[in-house]
Protein backbone atom coordinates (compact mmCIF):
# COMPACT_ATOMS: atom_id res chain seq x y z
CA MET A 1 11.63 2.62 -12.59
CA PHE A 2 12.52 3.26 -8.92
CA ARG A 3 15.50 5.51 -9.51
CA HIS A 4 14.47 8.15 -12.05
CA GLN A 5 13.23 11.40 -10.56
CA GLY A 6 12.08 14.83 -11.70
CA LYS A 7 12.52 15.65 -15.38
CA ASN A 8 14.31 12.34 -15.99
CA ARG A 9 11.14 10.42 -15.16
CA THR A 10 8.99 9.44 -18.13
CA ALA A 11 5.54 7.93 -18.63
CA LYS A 12 7.25 4.59 -19.31
CA HIS A 13 8.92 4.63 -15.89
CA ASN A 14 5.58 5.34 -14.22
CA LEU A 15 3.92 2.56 -16.21
CA ARG A 16 6.51 0.00 -15.12
CA ILE A 17 6.34 0.81 -11.44
CA ALA A 18 2.54 1.10 -11.57
CA THR A 19 2.11 -2.42 -12.98
CA LEU A 20 4.46 -3.96 -10.41
CA LEU A 21 3.11 -2.20 -7.33
CA SER A 22 -0.58 -2.43 -8.29
CA PHE A 23 -0.13 -6.18 -8.78
CA VAL A 24 1.42 -6.45 -5.30
CA ALA A 25 -1.35 -4.30 -3.81
CA GLY A 26 -3.98 -6.53 -5.41
CA MET A 27 -2.36 -9.59 -3.84
CA VAL A 28 -2.25 -7.93 -0.41
CA ASN A 29 -5.85 -6.71 -0.67
CA VAL A 30 -7.30 -10.14 -1.45
CA THR A 31 -5.07 -11.89 1.08
CA GLY A 32 -6.25 -9.53 3.79
CA PHE A 33 -9.88 -9.89 2.80
CA LEU A 34 -9.87 -13.70 2.60
CA SER A 35 -8.05 -14.09 5.90
CA LEU A 36 -9.60 -11.28 7.94
CA GLN A 37 -12.65 -10.16 5.92
CA LYS A 38 -11.12 -6.70 5.97
CA LEU A 39 -9.70 -4.46 3.25
CA THR A 40 -6.02 -3.88 3.90
CA THR A 41 -4.88 -1.53 1.14
CA ASN A 42 -6.79 1.65 2.06
CA VAL A 43 -8.49 3.30 5.03
CA THR A 44 -11.72 4.72 3.58
CA GLY A 45 -13.91 1.86 4.73
CA HIS A 46 -12.18 1.66 8.10
CA PHE A 47 -12.87 5.33 8.71
CA ALA A 48 -16.57 4.75 8.00
CA PHE A 49 -16.66 1.80 10.42
CA PHE A 50 -14.82 3.88 13.01
CA ILE A 51 -17.44 6.63 12.82
CA ASP A 52 -20.23 4.03 12.98
CA GLU A 53 -18.81 2.44 16.14
CA ILE A 54 -18.35 5.82 17.81
CA PHE A 55 -21.90 6.79 16.87
CA LYS A 56 -23.13 3.62 18.62
CA TRP A 57 -20.90 4.41 21.61
CA GLU A 58 -18.89 1.24 21.01
CA LEU A 59 -15.63 2.93 21.88
CA TRP A 60 -13.60 -0.28 22.16
CA GLY A 61 -14.83 -1.55 18.80
CA GLY A 62 -14.13 1.81 17.23
CA SER A 63 -10.59 1.89 18.59
CA VAL A 64 -9.67 -1.13 16.45
CA TYR A 65 -10.54 0.76 13.27
CA LEU A 66 -8.65 3.79 14.54
CA VAL A 67 -5.56 1.61 14.97
CA TYR A 68 -6.01 0.35 11.39
CA ILE A 69 -6.08 3.94 10.13
CA LEU A 70 -3.04 4.90 12.19
CA SER A 71 -1.12 1.84 10.93
CA PHE A 72 -1.52 3.02 7.34
CA LEU A 73 -0.56 6.55 8.41
CA LEU A 74 2.52 5.26 10.26
CA GLY A 75 3.66 3.35 7.19
CA SER A 76 3.31 6.44 5.04
CA PHE A 77 5.10 8.59 7.62
CA ILE A 78 8.06 6.24 8.09
CA SER A 79 8.41 5.75 4.34
CA SER A 80 8.61 9.51 3.77
CA VAL A 81 11.05 9.97 6.65
CA LEU A 82 13.35 7.30 5.20
CA ILE A 83 13.25 9.00 1.81
CA GLU A 84 14.17 12.37 3.32
CA LEU A 85 16.93 10.95 5.53
CA THR A 86 18.59 8.95 2.78
CA TYR A 87 18.52 11.66 0.12
CA ARG A 88 22.02 12.03 -1.30
CA GLY A 89 21.35 13.37 -4.76
CA LYS A 90 20.29 11.74 -8.00
CA LYS A 91 23.00 9.06 -7.99
CA PHE A 92 21.64 7.37 -4.87
CA ASN A 93 18.42 5.37 -5.05
CA ILE A 94 16.54 6.87 -2.12
CA TYR A 95 13.61 4.47 -2.54
CA VAL A 96 15.54 1.29 -1.67
CA LEU A 97 14.95 1.61 2.07
CA PRO A 98 11.14 2.10 1.99
CA ALA A 99 10.82 -0.67 -0.60
CA THR A 100 12.97 -2.93 1.60
CA LEU A 101 10.79 -2.05 4.59
CA GLU A 102 7.70 -3.16 2.67
CA ILE A 103 9.43 -6.36 1.58
CA GLY A 104 10.48 -7.12 5.16
CA THR A 105 6.96 -6.48 6.48
CA LEU A 106 5.36 -8.82 3.93
CA LEU A 107 7.94 -11.54 4.64
CA LEU A 108 7.38 -11.13 8.39
CA ILE A 109 3.65 -11.71 7.93
CA ALA A 110 4.23 -14.68 5.61
CA VAL A 111 6.64 -16.40 8.01
CA LEU A 112 4.97 -15.61 11.33
CA ALA A 113 1.30 -15.43 10.31
CA ASP A 114 0.25 -18.56 12.20
CA ILE A 115 1.84 -17.31 15.43
CA ILE A 116 0.51 -13.78 14.99
CA TRP A 117 -2.97 -15.13 14.21
CA LEU A 118 -3.10 -16.92 17.55
CA ALA A 119 -2.02 -13.77 19.36
CA SER A 120 -4.13 -11.25 17.46
CA PRO A 121 -5.60 -11.35 13.93
CA ASN A 122 -5.87 -7.56 14.12
CA LEU A 123 -2.09 -7.35 14.25
CA ILE A 124 -1.90 -8.96 10.81
CA ALA A 125 -4.35 -6.37 9.48
CA CYS A 126 -2.25 -3.58 10.99
CA LEU A 127 0.94 -4.94 9.42
CA LEU A 128 -0.69 -5.25 6.00
CA LEU A 129 -2.03 -1.69 6.25
CA PHE A 130 1.40 -0.51 7.39
CA ALA A 131 3.02 -2.14 4.34
CA MET A 132 0.51 -0.52 2.00
CA GLY A 133 1.04 2.85 3.67
CA VAL A 134 4.76 2.48 2.99
CA GLN A 135 4.11 1.56 -0.64
CA ASN A 136 1.57 4.29 -1.30
CA SER A 137 3.92 6.89 0.15
CA PHE A 138 7.03 6.03 -1.82
CA VAL A 139 5.24 5.49 -5.14
CA THR A 140 3.53 8.86 -4.66
CA ASN A 141 6.94 10.43 -4.04
CA ILE A 142 8.53 8.69 -7.01
CA SER A 143 5.84 9.64 -9.50
CA LYS A 144 5.02 13.06 -8.02
CA ALA A 145 1.47 11.86 -7.20
CA VAL A 146 0.82 10.59 -10.74
CA VAL A 147 0.69 6.94 -9.66
CA ARG A 148 -1.44 5.57 -6.82
CA THR A 149 -1.53 1.79 -6.51
CA THR A 150 -3.20 0.75 -3.26
CA HIS A 151 -6.77 1.93 -3.87
CA LEU A 152 -8.96 2.49 -6.92
CA THR A 153 -11.57 5.09 -5.91
CA GLY A 154 -9.60 8.15 -6.96
CA LEU A 155 -8.25 6.21 -9.92
CA PHE A 156 -11.70 5.59 -11.37
CA THR A 157 -12.61 9.23 -10.71
CA ASP A 158 -9.56 10.46 -12.64
CA LEU A 159 -10.21 7.92 -15.40
CA GLY A 160 -13.79 9.15 -15.82
CA ILE A 161 -12.61 12.77 -16.02
CA GLU A 162 -9.91 11.98 -18.57
CA LEU A 163 -12.25 9.90 -20.74
CA SER A 164 -14.68 12.80 -20.82
CA GLN A 165 -11.88 15.16 -21.90
CA LEU A 166 -11.39 13.10 -25.06
CA MET A 167 -14.88 14.19 -26.13
CA PHE A 168 -13.80 17.84 -26.21
CA PRO A 169 -10.63 17.96 -28.37
CA LYS A 170 -10.93 21.69 -29.00
CA LYS A 171 -10.71 22.49 -25.31
CA TYR A 172 -8.20 19.80 -24.31
CA LEU A 173 -5.50 20.04 -26.95
CA ASP A 174 -2.92 17.77 -25.31
CA ARG A 175 -4.68 14.61 -26.45
CA LYS A 176 -1.47 12.55 -26.48
CA ASN A 177 -0.84 13.20 -22.79
CA ILE A 178 -4.47 12.43 -21.88
CA VAL A 179 -4.33 9.11 -23.75
CA SER A 180 -1.03 8.27 -22.03
CA THR A 181 -2.56 8.95 -18.60
CA ILE A 182 -5.64 6.87 -19.42
CA LYS A 183 -3.36 4.01 -20.43
CA LEU A 184 -1.58 4.29 -17.08
CA ARG A 185 -4.89 4.17 -15.17
CA LEU A 186 -6.07 1.12 -17.11
CA TYR A 187 -2.81 -0.71 -16.48
CA ILE A 188 -3.08 -0.07 -12.73
CA ILE A 189 -6.67 -1.32 -12.67
CA CYS A 190 -5.87 -4.43 -14.72
CA PHE A 191 -2.79 -5.37 -12.71
CA PHE A 192 -4.57 -4.74 -9.41
CA PHE A 193 -7.23 -7.16 -10.66
CA LEU A 194 -4.64 -9.73 -11.79
CA GLY A 195 -2.81 -9.37 -8.49
CA GLY A 196 -6.09 -10.00 -6.68
CA ILE A 197 -6.73 -13.18 -8.66
CA SER A 198 -3.16 -14.38 -8.04
CA GLY A 199 -3.38 -13.53 -4.36
CA GLY A 200 -6.68 -15.38 -4.03
CA PHE A 201 -5.29 -18.49 -5.71
CA LEU A 202 -2.11 -18.47 -3.62
CA TYR A 203 -4.05 -17.94 -0.40
CA SER A 204 -6.26 -20.92 -1.20
CA GLN A 205 -3.14 -23.05 -1.63
CA ILE A 206 -0.54 -21.77 0.83
CA LYS A 207 -2.35 -19.16 2.94
CA PHE A 208 -0.20 -16.20 4.02
CA ARG A 209 2.93 -17.67 2.46
CA GLY A 210 1.60 -16.32 -0.82
CA LEU A 211 2.88 -12.94 0.37
CA ILE A 212 6.40 -14.29 -0.17
CA VAL A 213 5.64 -14.10 -3.89
CA ALA A 214 4.61 -10.46 -3.51
CA ALA A 215 7.83 -9.70 -1.64
CA LEU A 216 9.93 -11.50 -4.27
CA LEU A 217 8.29 -9.44 -7.02
CA LEU A 218 9.40 -6.28 -5.24
CA VAL A 219 12.92 -7.68 -4.84
CA LEU A 220 13.04 -8.51 -8.56
CA GLY A 221 11.87 -4.98 -9.35
CA LEU A 222 14.71 -3.47 -7.31
CA VAL A 223 17.28 -5.84 -8.82
CA TYR A 224 16.06 -5.13 -12.35
CA ASP A 225 16.20 -1.40 -11.71
CA HIS A 226 19.75 -1.64 -10.32
CA ILE A 227 21.06 -3.80 -13.19
CA LYS A 228 19.46 -1.58 -15.82
CA PHE A 229 20.99 1.50 -14.22
CA LYS A 230 24.47 -0.10 -14.19
CA VAL A 231 24.12 -1.15 -17.83
CA LEU A 232 23.05 2.38 -18.76
CA LEU A 233 26.09 3.85 -16.99
CA ALA A 234 28.39 1.37 -18.72
CA ARG A 235 26.94 2.28 -22.12
CA ARG A 236 27.37 5.99 -21.48
CA LYS A 237 30.94 5.46 -20.31
CA TYR A 238 31.72 3.38 -23.39
CA ALA A 239 30.13 5.95 -25.71
CA TYR A 240 32.13 8.73 -24.05
CA LYS A 241 35.42 6.87 -24.42
CA LYS A 242 34.62 5.99 -28.01
CA THR A 243 33.89 9.62 -28.86
CA PHE A 244 36.50 11.50 -26.83
CA GLY A 245 38.98 8.82 -25.85
CA LYS A 246 40.09 8.08 -22.28
CA PRO A 247 39.96 11.16 -20.01
């Protein structure tokens, strides 16, 4: 899920990571909206507000939205830098560090939210946007831009295009691949929605501590990926010994 790259990566791997990360993104989005009345998984709306404030010559108000945008950008930048710096070939999971960074950021918000809120609610928004920038960057790298989990605008656009392609089977012959991609889009949308519902419920009960659940889901994803990889290696080693004997 996190480890497979290049030709070794299949639609099933993308589907697994898409469901996990879109669920987390849905939780973060609703948590940010309920607590701050701001969307914290993408920057499109913030860019519009930034332009609006500048147009009204409210430079101070506009600077807040600029910081939001830069927080998302910084998360994406740092995530990509970590991936490049830790690349050691296919045997090393280069996505552990950016995933761990996202986990740490969400836990930091969950634990220190009350203190941060008193100091600056905008700092919470920046941290949430930073975490989503990290996530969007590493999932884009993992899937080679096939999976995007933090915002749905482009997703619905792609879904509309692919649904229309099904109406022209003579032109678009690779129907199996189109159906597979549509399935992936629908899973992301559904799990983003389910994550939003879960995030809303948890926020109503335990406020920002609901983000601990989101962080734990990411931890479980990494642990599952690691265990499955070790089991796969053990099976291959056993099969090799059974076929050729001990080297």
